[in-house]
Amino acid sequence: AAYEILITPAKQLTGQTLIDEDFLKTRGVKDFA
């Protein structure tokens, strides 16, 4: 999840309180097992 934040353009993602699983779902991750 941290990696996905770091590779996102800074101006596109700021001031957010992100939950790891929820954020990774928005990046296409489906297998959490």
PDB file of all heavy atoms in Angstrom:
ATOM      1  N   ALA A   1       0.834  -1.207   0.000  1.00  0.00           N
ATOM      2  CA  ALA A   1       0.000   0.000   0.000  1.00  0.00           C
ATOM      3  C   ALA A   1       0.868   1.257   0.000  1.00  0.00           C
ATOM      4  O   ALA A   1       0.589   2.223  -0.730  1.00  0.00           O
ATOM      5  CB  ALA A   1      -0.935  -0.005   1.203  1.00  0.00           C
ATOM      6  N   ALA A   2       1.919   1.257   0.812  1.00  0.00           N
ATOM      7  CA  ALA A   2       2.821   2.411   0.848  1.00  0.00           C
ATOM      8  C   ALA A   2       3.475   2.630  -0.515  1.00  0.00           C
ATOM      9  O   ALA A   2       3.605   3.770  -0.992  1.00  0.00           O
ATOM     10  CB  ALA A   2       3.888   2.216   1.919  1.00  0.00           C
ATOM     11  N   TYR A   3       3.869   1.544  -1.154  1.00  0.00           N
ATOM     12  CA  TYR A   3       4.481   1.626  -2.478  1.00  0.00           C
ATOM     13  C   TYR A   3       3.534   2.284  -3.472  1.00  0.00           C
ATOM     14  O   TYR A   3       3.927   3.166  -4.250  1.00  0.00           O
ATOM     15  CB  TYR A   3       4.868   0.227  -2.954  1.00  0.00           C
ATOM     16  CG  TYR A   3       5.427   0.178  -4.357  1.00  0.00           C
ATOM     17  CD1 TYR A   3       6.778   0.407  -4.603  1.00  0.00           C
ATOM     18  CD2 TYR A   3       4.601  -0.092  -5.449  1.00  0.00           C
ATOM     19  CE1 TYR A   3       7.288   0.363  -5.889  1.00  0.00           C
ATOM     20  CE2 TYR A   3       5.104  -0.126  -6.741  1.00  0.00           C
ATOM     21  CZ  TYR A   3       6.440   0.102  -6.956  1.00  0.00           C
ATOM     22  OH  TYR A   3       6.948   0.068  -8.236  1.00  0.00           O
ATOM     23  N   GLU A   4       2.277   1.884  -3.441  1.00  0.00           N
ATOM     24  CA  GLU A   4       1.295   2.447  -4.363  1.00  0.00           C
ATOM     25  C   GLU A   4       1.090   3.943  -4.124  1.00  0.00           C
ATOM     26  O   GLU A   4       0.850   4.707  -5.058  1.00  0.00           O
ATOM     27  CB  GLU A   4      -0.035   1.704  -4.246  1.00  0.00           C
ATOM     28  CG  GLU A   4      -0.031   0.310  -4.853  1.00  0.00           C
ATOM     29  CD  GLU A   4       0.147   0.330  -6.369  1.00  0.00           C
ATOM     30  OE1 GLU A   4      -0.238   1.329  -7.006  1.00  0.00           O
ATOM     31  OE2 GLU A   4       0.657  -0.662  -6.913  1.00  0.00           O
ATOM     32  N   ILE A   5       1.174   4.359  -2.866  1.00  0.00           N
ATOM     33  CA  ILE A   5       1.107   5.794  -2.581  1.00  0.00           C
ATOM     34  C   ILE A   5       2.317   6.505  -3.186  1.00  0.00           C
ATOM     35  O   ILE A   5       2.193   7.543  -3.851  1.00  0.00           O
ATOM     36  CB  ILE A   5       1.056   6.050  -1.059  1.00  0.00           C
ATOM     37  CG1 ILE A   5      -0.240   5.497  -0.455  1.00  0.00           C
ATOM     38  CG2 ILE A   5       1.166   7.556  -0.764  1.00  0.00           C
ATOM     39  CD1 ILE A   5      -0.273   5.525   1.068  1.00  0.00           C
ATOM     40  N   LEU A   6       3.492   5.945  -2.972  1.00  0.00           N
ATOM     41  CA  LEU A   6       4.732   6.587  -3.392  1.00  0.00           C
ATOM     42  C   LEU A   6       4.853   6.734  -4.901  1.00  0.00           C
ATOM     43  O   LEU A   6       5.512   7.670  -5.384  1.00  0.00           O
ATOM     44  CB  LEU A   6       5.938   5.806  -2.851  1.00  0.00           C
ATOM     45  CG  LEU A   6       6.119   5.802  -1.331  1.00  0.00           C
ATOM     46  CD1 LEU A   6       7.239   4.861  -0.932  1.00  0.00           C
ATOM     47  CD2 LEU A   6       6.382   7.210  -0.812  1.00  0.00           C
ATOM     48  N   ILE A   7       4.251   5.834  -5.661  1.00  0.00           N
ATOM     49  CA  ILE A   7       4.364   5.924  -7.122  1.00  0.00           C
ATOM     50  C   ILE A   7       3.248   6.773  -7.727  1.00  0.00           C
ATOM     51  O   ILE A   7       3.209   6.976  -8.939  1.00  0.00           O
ATOM     52  CB  ILE A   7       4.382   4.529  -7.779  1.00  0.00           C
ATOM     53  CG1 ILE A   7       3.048   3.809  -7.604  1.00  0.00           C
ATOM     54  CG2 ILE A   7       5.540   3.692  -7.242  1.00  0.00           C
ATOM     55  CD1 ILE A   7       2.948   2.490  -8.382  1.00  0.00           C
ATOM     56  N   THR A   8       2.350   7.281  -6.899  1.00  0.00           N
ATOM     57  CA  THR A   8       1.265   8.135  -7.374  1.00  0.00           C
ATOM     58  C   THR A   8       1.743   9.588  -7.432  1.00  0.00           C
ATOM     59  O   THR A   8       2.418  10.050  -6.507  1.00  0.00           O
ATOM     60  CB  THR A   8       0.061   8.044  -6.419  1.00  0.00           C
ATOM     61  OG1 THR A   8      -0.375   6.679  -6.343  1.00  0.00           O
ATOM     62  CG2 THR A   8      -1.096   8.905  -6.909  1.00  0.00           C
ATOM     63  N   PRO A   9       1.420  10.324  -8.501  1.00  0.00           N
ATOM     64  CA  PRO A   9       1.777  11.743  -8.536  1.00  0.00           C
ATOM     65  C   PRO A   9       1.258  12.468  -7.301  1.00  0.00           C
ATOM     66  O   PRO A   9       0.090  12.345  -6.933  1.00  0.00           O
ATOM     67  CB  PRO A   9       1.086  12.244  -9.812  1.00  0.00           C
ATOM     68  CG  PRO A   9       1.035  11.034 -10.705  1.00  0.00           C
ATOM     69  CD  PRO A   9       0.792   9.879  -9.762  1.00  0.00           C
ATOM     70  N   ALA A  10       2.144  13.193  -6.640  1.00  0.00           N
ATOM     71  CA  ALA A  10       1.828  13.796  -5.342  1.00  0.00           C
ATOM     72  C   ALA A  10       0.571  14.658  -5.382  1.00  0.00           C
ATOM     73  O   ALA A  10      -0.234  14.645  -4.443  1.00  0.00           O
ATOM     74  CB  ALA A  10       3.019  14.621  -4.856  1.00  0.00           C
ATOM     75  N   LYS A  11       0.366  15.400  -6.445  1.00  0.00           N
ATOM     76  CA  LYS A  11      -0.775  16.306  -6.527  1.00  0.00           C
ATOM     77  C   LYS A  11      -2.103  15.563  -6.689  1.00  0.00           C
ATOM     78  O   LYS A  11      -3.163  16.150  -6.500  1.00  0.00           O
ATOM     79  CB  LYS A  11      -0.569  17.298  -7.666  1.00  0.00           C
ATOM     80  CG  LYS A  11       0.563  18.285  -7.398  1.00  0.00           C
ATOM     81  CD  LYS A  11       0.699  19.305  -8.502  1.00  0.00           C
ATOM     82  CE  LYS A  11       1.822  20.285  -8.199  1.00  0.00           C
ATOM     83  NZ  LYS A  11       1.981  21.314  -9.272  1.00  0.00           N
ATOM     84  N   GLN A  12      -2.026  14.278  -7.006  1.00  0.00           N
ATOM     85  CA  GLN A  12      -3.245  13.497  -7.204  1.00  0.00           C
ATOM     86  C   GLN A  12      -3.721  12.794  -5.928  1.00  0.00           C
ATOM     87  O   GLN A  12      -4.826  12.266  -5.885  1.00  0.00           O
ATOM     88  CB  GLN A  12      -3.027  12.443  -8.304  1.00  0.00           C
ATOM     89  CG  GLN A  12      -2.814  13.021  -9.677  1.00  0.00           C
ATOM     90  CD  GLN A  12      -2.633  11.950 -10.731  1.00  0.00           C
ATOM     91  OE1 GLN A  12      -2.906  10.763 -10.514  1.00  0.00           O
ATOM     92  NE2 GLN A  12      -2.142  12.353 -11.900  1.00  0.00           N
ATOM     93  N   LEU A  13      -2.879  12.776  -4.904  1.00  0.00           N
ATOM     94  CA  LEU A  13      -3.234  12.032  -3.690  1.00  0.00           C
ATOM     95  C   LEU A  13      -2.624  12.715  -2.471  1.00  0.00           C
ATOM     96  O   LEU A  13      -1.442  12.551  -2.184  1.00  0.00           O
ATOM     97  CB  LEU A  13      -2.727  10.584  -3.791  1.00  0.00           C
ATOM     98  CG  LEU A  13      -3.072   9.649  -2.617  1.00  0.00           C
ATOM     99  CD1 LEU A  13      -4.579   9.393  -2.559  1.00  0.00           C
ATOM    100  CD2 LEU A  13      -2.325   8.323  -2.759  1.00  0.00           C
ATOM    101  N   THR A  14      -3.435  13.452  -1.753  1.00  0.00           N
ATOM    102  CA  THR A  14      -2.935  14.107  -0.547  1.00  0.00           C
ATOM    103  C   THR A  14      -4.072  14.399   0.413  1.00  0.00           C
ATOM    104  O   THR A  14      -5.232  14.527   0.007  1.00  0.00           O
ATOM    105  CB  THR A  14      -2.167  15.404  -0.888  1.00  0.00           C
ATOM    106  OG1 THR A  14      -1.487  15.883   0.277  1.00  0.00           O
ATOM    107  CG2 THR A  14      -3.094  16.483  -1.409  1.00  0.00           C
ATOM    108  N   GLY A  15      -3.747  14.451   1.700  1.00  0.00           N
ATOM    109  CA  GLY A  15      -4.740  14.734   2.725  1.00  0.00           C
ATOM    110  C   GLY A  15      -5.698  13.593   2.988  1.00  0.00           C
ATOM    111  O   GLY A  15      -6.757  13.793   3.576  1.00  0.00           O
ATOM    112  N   GLN A  16      -5.296  12.372   2.600  1.00  0.00           N
ATOM    113  CA  GLN A  16      -6.174  11.216   2.754  1.00  0.00           C
ATOM    114  C   GLN A  16      -5.754  10.352   3.947  1.00  0.00           C
ATOM    115  O   GLN A  16      -4.575  10.260   4.286  1.00  0.00           O
ATOM    116  CB  GLN A  16      -6.152  10.354   1.489  1.00  0.00           C
ATOM    117  CG  GLN A  16      -6.572  11.101   0.235  1.00  0.00           C
ATOM    118  CD  GLN A  16      -7.988  11.623   0.328  1.00  0.00           C
ATOM    119  OE1 GLN A  16      -8.928  10.865   0.574  1.00  0.00           O
ATOM    120  NE2 GLN A  16      -8.151  12.926   0.124  1.00  0.00           N
ATOM    121  N   THR A  17      -6.740   9.708   4.567  1.00  0.00           N
ATOM    122  CA  THR A  17      -6.472   8.720   5.620  1.00  0.00           C
ATOM    123  C   THR A  17      -6.856   7.368   5.035  1.00  0.00           C
ATOM    124  O   THR A  17      -8.018   7.003   4.998  1.00  0.00           O
ATOM    125  CB  THR A  17      -7.275   9.036   6.895  1.00  0.00           C
ATOM    126  OG1 THR A  17      -8.659   9.174   6.562  1.00  0.00           O
ATOM    127  CG2 THR A  17      -6.790  10.330   7.529  1.00  0.00           C
ATOM    128  N   LEU A  18      -5.848   6.667   4.561  1.00  0.00           N
ATOM    129  CA  LEU A  18      -6.052   5.462   3.759  1.00  0.00           C
ATOM    130  C   LEU A  18      -5.969   4.193   4.604  1.00  0.00           C
ATOM    131  O   LEU A  18      -5.129   4.078   5.500  1.00  0.00           O
ATOM    132  CB  LEU A  18      -5.009   5.409   2.646  1.00  0.00           C
ATOM    133  CG  LEU A  18      -4.955   6.648   1.735  1.00  0.00           C
ATOM    134  CD1 LEU A  18      -3.717   6.614   0.856  1.00  0.00           C
ATOM    135  CD2 LEU A  18      -6.221   6.737   0.879  1.00  0.00           C
ATOM    136  N   ILE A  19      -6.823   3.239   4.273  1.00  0.00           N
ATOM    137  CA  ILE A  19      -6.778   1.904   4.864  1.00  0.00           C
ATOM    138  C   ILE A  19      -6.117   0.969   3.852  1.00  0.00           C
ATOM    139  O   ILE A  19      -6.498   0.965   2.670  1.00  0.00           O
ATOM    140  CB  ILE A  19      -8.193   1.394   5.206  1.00  0.00           C
ATOM    141  CG1 ILE A  19      -8.870   2.327   6.218  1.00  0.00           C
ATOM    142  CG2 ILE A  19      -8.140  -0.031   5.741  1.00  0.00           C
ATOM    143  CD1 ILE A  19      -8.207   2.357   7.574  1.00  0.00           C
ATOM    144  N   ASP A  20      -5.143   0.196   4.288  1.00  0.00           N
ATOM    145  CA  ASP A  20      -4.337  -0.612   3.358  1.00  0.00           C
ATOM    146  C   ASP A  20      -5.175  -1.435   2.384  1.00  0.00           C
ATOM    147  O   ASP A  20      -5.029  -1.340   1.156  1.00  0.00           O
ATOM    148  CB  ASP A  20      -3.339  -1.498   4.115  1.00  0.00           C
ATOM    149  CG  ASP A  20      -3.985  -2.453   5.123  1.00  0.00           C
ATOM    150  OD1 ASP A  20      -5.223  -2.427   5.317  1.00  0.00           O
ATOM    151  OD2 ASP A  20      -3.229  -3.241   5.739  1.00  0.00           O
ATOM    152  N   GLU A  21      -6.093  -2.241   2.898  1.00  0.00           N
ATOM    153  CA  GLU A  21      -6.888  -3.128   2.052  1.00  0.00           C
ATOM    154  C   GLU A  21      -7.765  -2.335   1.074  1.00  0.00           C
ATOM    155  O   GLU A  21      -7.814  -2.645  -0.126  1.00  0.00           O
ATOM    156  CB  GLU A  21      -7.766  -4.034   2.922  1.00  0.00           C
ATOM    157  CG  GLU A  21      -8.645  -4.984   2.128  1.00  0.00           C
ATOM    158  CD  GLU A  21      -9.493  -5.871   3.023  1.00  0.00           C
ATOM    159  OE1 GLU A  21      -8.971  -6.315   4.078  1.00  0.00           O
ATOM    160  OE2 GLU A  21     -10.657  -6.117   2.680  1.00  0.00           O
ATOM    161  N   ASP A  22      -8.444  -1.321   1.583  1.00  0.00           N
ATOM    162  CA  ASP A  22      -9.344  -0.532   0.744  1.00  0.00           C
ATOM    163  C   ASP A  22      -8.572   0.170  -0.372  1.00  0.00           C
ATOM    164  O   ASP A  22      -9.017   0.224  -1.524  1.00  0.00           O
ATOM    165  CB  ASP A  22     -10.092   0.495   1.585  1.00  0.00           C
ATOM    166  CG  ASP A  22     -10.938  -0.153   2.672  1.00  0.00           C
ATOM    167  OD1 ASP A  22     -11.078  -1.389   2.674  1.00  0.00           O
ATOM    168  OD2 ASP A  22     -11.443   0.578   3.538  1.00  0.00           O
ATOM    169  N   PHE A  23      -7.417   0.712  -0.030  1.00  0.00           N
ATOM    170  CA  PHE A  23      -6.616   1.418  -1.031  1.00  0.00           C
ATOM    171  C   PHE A  23      -6.078   0.462  -2.086  1.00  0.00           C
ATOM    172  O   PHE A  23      -6.103   0.766  -3.291  1.00  0.00           O
ATOM    173  CB  PHE A  23      -5.468   2.157  -0.341  1.00  0.00           C
ATOM    174  CG  PHE A  23      -4.610   2.949  -1.283  1.00  0.00           C
ATOM    175  CD1 PHE A  23      -5.150   3.978  -2.042  1.00  0.00           C
ATOM    176  CD2 PHE A  23      -3.258   2.672  -1.406  1.00  0.00           C
ATOM    177  CE1 PHE A  23      -4.354   4.722  -2.919  1.00  0.00           C
ATOM    178  CE2 PHE A  23      -2.460   3.402  -2.271  1.00  0.00           C
ATOM    179  CZ  PHE A  23      -3.008   4.430  -3.029  1.00  0.00           C
ATOM    180  N   LEU A  24      -5.606  -0.709  -1.657  1.00  0.00           N
ATOM    181  CA  LEU A  24      -5.087  -1.674  -2.620  1.00  0.00           C
ATOM    182  C   LEU A  24      -6.177  -2.185  -3.559  1.00  0.00           C
ATOM    183  O   LEU A  24      -5.911  -2.486  -4.725  1.00  0.00           O
ATOM    184  CB  LEU A  24      -4.416  -2.844  -1.894  1.00  0.00           C
ATOM    185  CG  LEU A  24      -3.047  -2.515  -1.275  1.00  0.00           C
ATOM    186  CD1 LEU A  24      -2.557  -3.671  -0.416  1.00  0.00           C
ATOM    187  CD2 LEU A  24      -2.019  -2.179  -2.359  1.00  0.00           C
ATOM    188  N   LYS A  25      -7.401  -2.260  -3.068  1.00  0.00           N
ATOM    189  CA  LYS A  25      -8.514  -2.652  -3.948  1.00  0.00           C
ATOM    190  C   LYS A  25      -8.680  -1.660  -5.095  1.00  0.00           C
ATOM    191  O   LYS A  25      -8.973  -2.044  -6.226  1.00  0.00           O
ATOM    192  CB  LYS A  25      -9.805  -2.752  -3.150  1.00  0.00           C
ATOM    193  CG  LYS A  25      -9.919  -4.013  -2.299  1.00  0.00           C
ATOM    194  CD  LYS A  25     -11.222  -4.022  -1.504  1.00  0.00           C
ATOM    195  CE  LYS A  25     -11.342  -5.291  -0.667  1.00  0.00           C
ATOM    196  NZ  LYS A  25     -12.577  -5.278   0.174  1.00  0.00           N
ATOM    197  N   THR A  26      -8.460  -0.381  -4.800  1.00  0.00           N
ATOM    198  CA  THR A  26      -8.581   0.624  -5.861  1.00  0.00           C
ATOM    199  C   THR A  26      -7.447   0.502  -6.871  1.00  0.00           C
ATOM    200  O   THR A  26      -7.538   1.056  -7.974  1.00  0.00           O
ATOM    201  CB  THR A  26      -8.576   2.059  -5.295  1.00  0.00           C
ATOM    202  OG1 THR A  26      -7.277   2.390  -4.794  1.00  0.00           O
ATOM    203  CG2 THR A  26      -9.626   2.207  -4.197  1.00  0.00           C
ATOM    204  N   ARG A  27      -6.391  -0.193  -6.495  1.00  0.00           N
ATOM    205  CA  ARG A  27      -5.251  -0.405  -7.389  1.00  0.00           C
ATOM    206  C   ARG A  27      -5.274  -1.792  -8.033  1.00  0.00           C
ATOM    207  O   ARG A  27      -4.271  -2.241  -8.589  1.00  0.00           O
ATOM    208  CB  ARG A  27      -3.942  -0.183  -6.632  1.00  0.00           C
ATOM    209  CG  ARG A  27      -3.798   1.243  -6.081  1.00  0.00           C
ATOM    210  CD  ARG A  27      -3.999   2.282  -7.190  1.00  0.00           C
ATOM    211  NE  ARG A  27      -4.060   3.640  -6.710  1.00  0.00           N
ATOM    212  CZ  ARG A  27      -3.034   4.497  -6.739  1.00  0.00           C
ATOM    213  NH1 ARG A  27      -1.863   4.104  -7.206  1.00  0.00           N
ATOM    214  NH2 ARG A  27      -3.177   5.731  -6.312  1.00  0.00           N
ATOM    215  N   GLY A  28      -6.407  -2.472  -7.913  1.00  0.00           N
ATOM    216  CA  GLY A  28      -6.587  -3.730  -8.628  1.00  0.00           C
ATOM    217  C   GLY A  28      -6.234  -4.990  -7.866  1.00  0.00           C
ATOM    218  O   GLY A  28      -6.312  -6.089  -8.419  1.00  0.00           O
ATOM    219  N   VAL A  29      -5.845  -4.875  -6.610  1.00  0.00           N
ATOM    220  CA  VAL A  29      -5.507  -6.063  -5.824  1.00  0.00           C
ATOM    221  C   VAL A  29      -6.799  -6.766  -5.393  1.00  0.00           C
ATOM    222  O   VAL A  29      -7.707  -6.133  -4.855  1.00  0.00           O
ATOM    223  CB  VAL A  29      -4.661  -5.697  -4.592  1.00  0.00           C
ATOM    224  CG1 VAL A  29      -4.369  -6.944  -3.747  1.00  0.00           C
ATOM    225  CG2 VAL A  29      -3.363  -5.023  -5.025  1.00  0.00           C
ATOM    226  N   LYS A  30      -6.872  -8.063  -5.632  1.00  0.00           N
ATOM    227  CA  LYS A  30      -8.062  -8.841  -5.281  1.00  0.00           C
ATOM    228  C   LYS A  30      -7.760  -9.966  -4.293  1.00  0.00           C
ATOM    229  O   LYS A  30      -8.638 -10.385  -3.544  1.00  0.00           O
ATOM    230  CB  LYS A  30      -8.681  -9.423  -6.554  1.00  0.00           C
ATOM    231  CG  LYS A  30      -9.178  -8.361  -7.538  1.00  0.00           C
ATOM    232  CD  LYS A  30      -9.751  -8.985  -8.793  1.00  0.00           C
ATOM    233  CE  LYS A  30     -10.245  -7.910  -9.759  1.00  0.00           C
ATOM    234  NZ  LYS A  30     -10.788  -8.512 -11.012  1.00  0.00           N
ATOM    235  N   ASP A  31      -6.551 -10.467  -4.314  1.00  0.00           N
ATOM    236  CA  ASP A  31      -6.180 -11.600  -3.456  1.00  0.00           C
ATOM    237  C   ASP A  31      -5.546 -11.093  -2.168  1.00  0.00           C
ATOM    238  O   ASP A  31      -4.370 -10.729  -2.131  1.00  0.00           O
ATOM    239  CB  ASP A  31      -5.198 -12.518  -4.195  1.00  0.00           C
ATOM    240  CG  ASP A  31      -4.697 -13.657  -3.321  1.00  0.00           C
ATOM    241  OD1 ASP A  31      -5.366 -13.957  -2.304  1.00  0.00           O
ATOM    242  OD2 ASP A  31      -3.641 -14.224  -3.648  1.00  0.00           O
ATOM    243  N   PHE A  32      -6.331 -11.086  -1.099  1.00  0.00           N
ATOM    244  CA  PHE A  32      -5.795 -10.636   0.182  1.00  0.00           C
ATOM    245  C   PHE A  32      -5.398 -11.807   1.083  1.00  0.00           C
ATOM    246  O   PHE A  32      -4.763 -11.601   2.114  1.00  0.00           O
ATOM    247  CB  PHE A  32      -6.792  -9.707   0.873  1.00  0.00           C
ATOM    248  CG  PHE A  32      -6.913  -8.382   0.176  1.00  0.00           C
ATOM    249  CD1 PHE A  32      -7.884  -8.178  -0.791  1.00  0.00           C
ATOM    250  CD2 PHE A  32      -6.017  -7.368   0.434  1.00  0.00           C
ATOM    251  CE1 PHE A  32      -7.973  -6.975  -1.471  1.00  0.00           C
ATOM    252  CE2 PHE A  32      -6.085  -6.151  -0.240  1.00  0.00           C
ATOM    253  CZ  PHE A  32      -7.064  -5.960  -1.196  1.00  0.00           C
ATOM    254  N   ALA A  33      -5.735 -13.020   0.662  1.00  0.00           N
ATOM    255  CA  ALA A  33      -5.299 -14.202   1.409  1.00  0.00           C
ATOM    256  C   ALA A  33      -3.781 -14.331   1.368  1.00  0.00           C
ATOM    257  O   ALA A  33      -3.177 -14.920   2.265  1.00  0.00           O
ATOM    258  CB  ALA A  33      -5.953 -15.452   0.849  1.00  0.00           C
TER     259      ALA A  33
END
